[in-house]
Amino acid sequence: MTERVDALWQDIVGPVLGAHTSVRSVRDGVCTVVVDGPAWATQLRYLAGELVARATEALGTTVVREVRVVVAGP
């Protein structure tokens, strides 16, 4: 399932967020996303509910029920 979400990620988040984020995994409805900085993590967390709805629309099913954000290390 990770591959499907990853393939549609740019459509789900848009080009700006897509340039700073990537899907690490999708397990048990939790989509773990890696961001390249704390500011992007805050933005993604703020939009989490909307991103779940967009993912459901893009995938045609409720695969993603939660978005977990991880900031990439140095």
C-alpha atoms as a PDB file:
ATOM      1  CA  MET A   1       0.000   0.000   0.000  1.00  0.00           C
ATOM      2  CA  THR A   2       2.927   2.330   0.620  1.00  0.00           C
ATOM      3  CA  GLU A   3       3.700   2.314  -3.105  1.00  0.00           C
ATOM      4  CA  ARG A   4       0.160   3.433  -4.020  1.00  0.00           C
ATOM      5  CA  VAL A   5       0.187   6.299  -1.538  1.00  0.00           C
ATOM      6  CA  ASP A   6       3.717   7.292  -2.564  1.00  0.00           C
ATOM      7  CA  ALA A   7       2.755   7.315  -6.243  1.00  0.00           C
ATOM      8  CA  LEU A   8      -0.111   9.729  -5.521  1.00  0.00           C
ATOM      9  CA  TRP A   9       1.642  11.764  -2.820  1.00  0.00           C
ATOM     10  CA  GLN A  10       2.300  14.819  -5.019  1.00  0.00           C
ATOM     11  CA  ASP A  11      -1.398  14.918  -5.965  1.00  0.00           C
ATOM     12  CA  ILE A  12      -2.426  14.571  -2.314  1.00  0.00           C
ATOM     13  CA  VAL A  13      -0.161  17.259  -0.828  1.00  0.00           C
ATOM     14  CA  GLY A  14       0.587  19.467  -3.829  1.00  0.00           C
ATOM     15  CA  PRO A  15       3.946  20.484  -5.302  1.00  0.00           C
ATOM     16  CA  VAL A  16       5.210  22.696  -2.476  1.00  0.00           C
ATOM     17  CA  LEU A  17       4.684  20.216   0.366  1.00  0.00           C
ATOM     18  CA  GLY A  18       5.616  17.387  -1.980  1.00  0.00           C
ATOM     19  CA  ALA A  19       9.060  18.920  -2.461  1.00  0.00           C
ATOM     20  CA  HIS A  20       9.710  18.738   1.293  1.00  0.00           C
ATOM     21  CA  THR A  21       8.003  15.467   2.232  1.00  0.00           C
ATOM     22  CA  SER A  22       8.057  11.785   1.339  1.00  0.00           C
ATOM     23  CA  VAL A  23       6.069   8.733   2.372  1.00  0.00           C
ATOM     24  CA  ARG A  24       8.080   6.354   4.547  1.00  0.00           C
ATOM     25  CA  SER A  25       5.381   3.749   5.138  1.00  0.00           C
ATOM     26  CA  VAL A  26       1.685   2.998   5.419  1.00  0.00           C
ATOM     27  CA  ARG A  27       0.798   0.443   8.085  1.00  0.00           C
ATOM     28  CA  ASP A  28      -2.521  -0.209   9.792  1.00  0.00           C
ATOM     29  CA  GLY A  29      -3.940   3.049   8.452  1.00  0.00           C
ATOM     30  CA  VAL A  30      -1.023   5.165   9.662  1.00  0.00           C
ATOM     31  CA  CYS A  31       0.905   6.987   6.938  1.00  0.00           C
ATOM     32  CA  THR A  32       4.357   7.935   8.210  1.00  0.00           C
ATOM     33  CA  VAL A  33       5.778  10.905   6.343  1.00  0.00           C
ATOM     34  CA  VAL A  34       9.349  12.215   6.483  1.00  0.00           C
ATOM     35  CA  VAL A  35       9.824  15.982   6.233  1.00  0.00           C
ATOM     36  CA  ASP A  36      13.046  17.907   5.703  1.00  0.00           C
ATOM     37  CA  GLY A  37      12.551  20.433   8.503  1.00  0.00           C
ATOM     38  CA  PRO A  38      10.538  21.298  11.606  1.00  0.00           C
ATOM     39  CA  ALA A  39       8.575  24.061   9.887  1.00  0.00           C
ATOM     40  CA  TRP A  40       7.309  21.587   7.289  1.00  0.00           C
ATOM     41  CA  ALA A  41       6.446  19.140  10.081  1.00  0.00           C
ATOM     42  CA  THR A  42       4.256  21.795  11.703  1.00  0.00           C
ATOM     43  CA  GLN A  43       2.545  22.543   8.405  1.00  0.00           C
ATOM     44  CA  LEU A  44       1.897  18.867   7.709  1.00  0.00           C
ATOM     45  CA  ARG A  45       0.546  18.239  11.213  1.00  0.00           C
ATOM     46  CA  TYR A  46      -1.798  21.189  10.818  1.00  0.00           C
ATOM     47  CA  LEU A  47      -3.115  19.746   7.543  1.00  0.00           C
ATOM     48  CA  ALA A  48      -3.262  16.105   8.703  1.00  0.00           C
ATOM     49  CA  GLY A  49      -7.060  15.817   8.712  1.00  0.00           C
ATOM     50  CA  GLU A  50      -7.340  17.361   5.272  1.00  0.00           C
ATOM     51  CA  LEU A  51      -4.579  15.090   3.948  1.00  0.00           C
ATOM     52  CA  VAL A  52      -6.430  12.008   5.194  1.00  0.00           C
ATOM     53  CA  ALA A  53      -9.508  13.173   3.272  1.00  0.00           C
ATOM     54  CA  ARG A  54      -7.452  13.887   0.131  1.00  0.00           C
ATOM     55  CA  ALA A  55      -5.761  10.482   0.347  1.00  0.00           C
ATOM     56  CA  THR A  56      -9.141   8.776   0.638  1.00  0.00           C
ATOM     57  CA  GLU A  57     -10.377  10.672  -2.399  1.00  0.00           C
ATOM     58  CA  ALA A  58      -7.238   9.964  -4.450  1.00  0.00           C
ATOM     59  CA  LEU A  59      -7.129   6.265  -3.540  1.00  0.00           C
ATOM     60  CA  GLY A  60     -10.874   5.676  -3.645  1.00  0.00           C
ATOM     61  CA  THR A  61     -10.776   3.969  -0.243  1.00  0.00           C
ATOM     62  CA  THR A  62      -9.869   4.734   3.352  1.00  0.00           C
ATOM     63  CA  VAL A  63      -6.319   3.411   3.444  1.00  0.00           C
ATOM     64  CA  VAL A  64      -4.915   6.350   5.417  1.00  0.00           C
ATOM     65  CA  ARG A  65      -6.662   7.130   8.704  1.00  0.00           C
ATOM     66  CA  GLU A  66      -3.806   9.050  10.346  1.00  0.00           C
ATOM     67  CA  VAL A  67      -0.713  10.966   9.276  1.00  0.00           C
ATOM     68  CA  ARG A  68       2.394  10.646  11.452  1.00  0.00           C
ATOM     69  CA  VAL A  69       5.191  13.145  10.781  1.00  0.00           C
ATOM     70  CA  VAL A  70       8.908  12.488  11.312  1.00  0.00           C
ATOM     71  CA  VAL A  71      11.588  15.131  10.782  1.00  0.00           C
ATOM     72  CA  ALA A  72      14.588  13.824   8.841  1.00  0.00           C
ATOM     73  CA  GLY A  73      17.856  13.788  10.766  1.00  0.00           C
ATOM     74  CA  PRO A  74      20.928  15.783   9.784  1.00  0.00           C
END
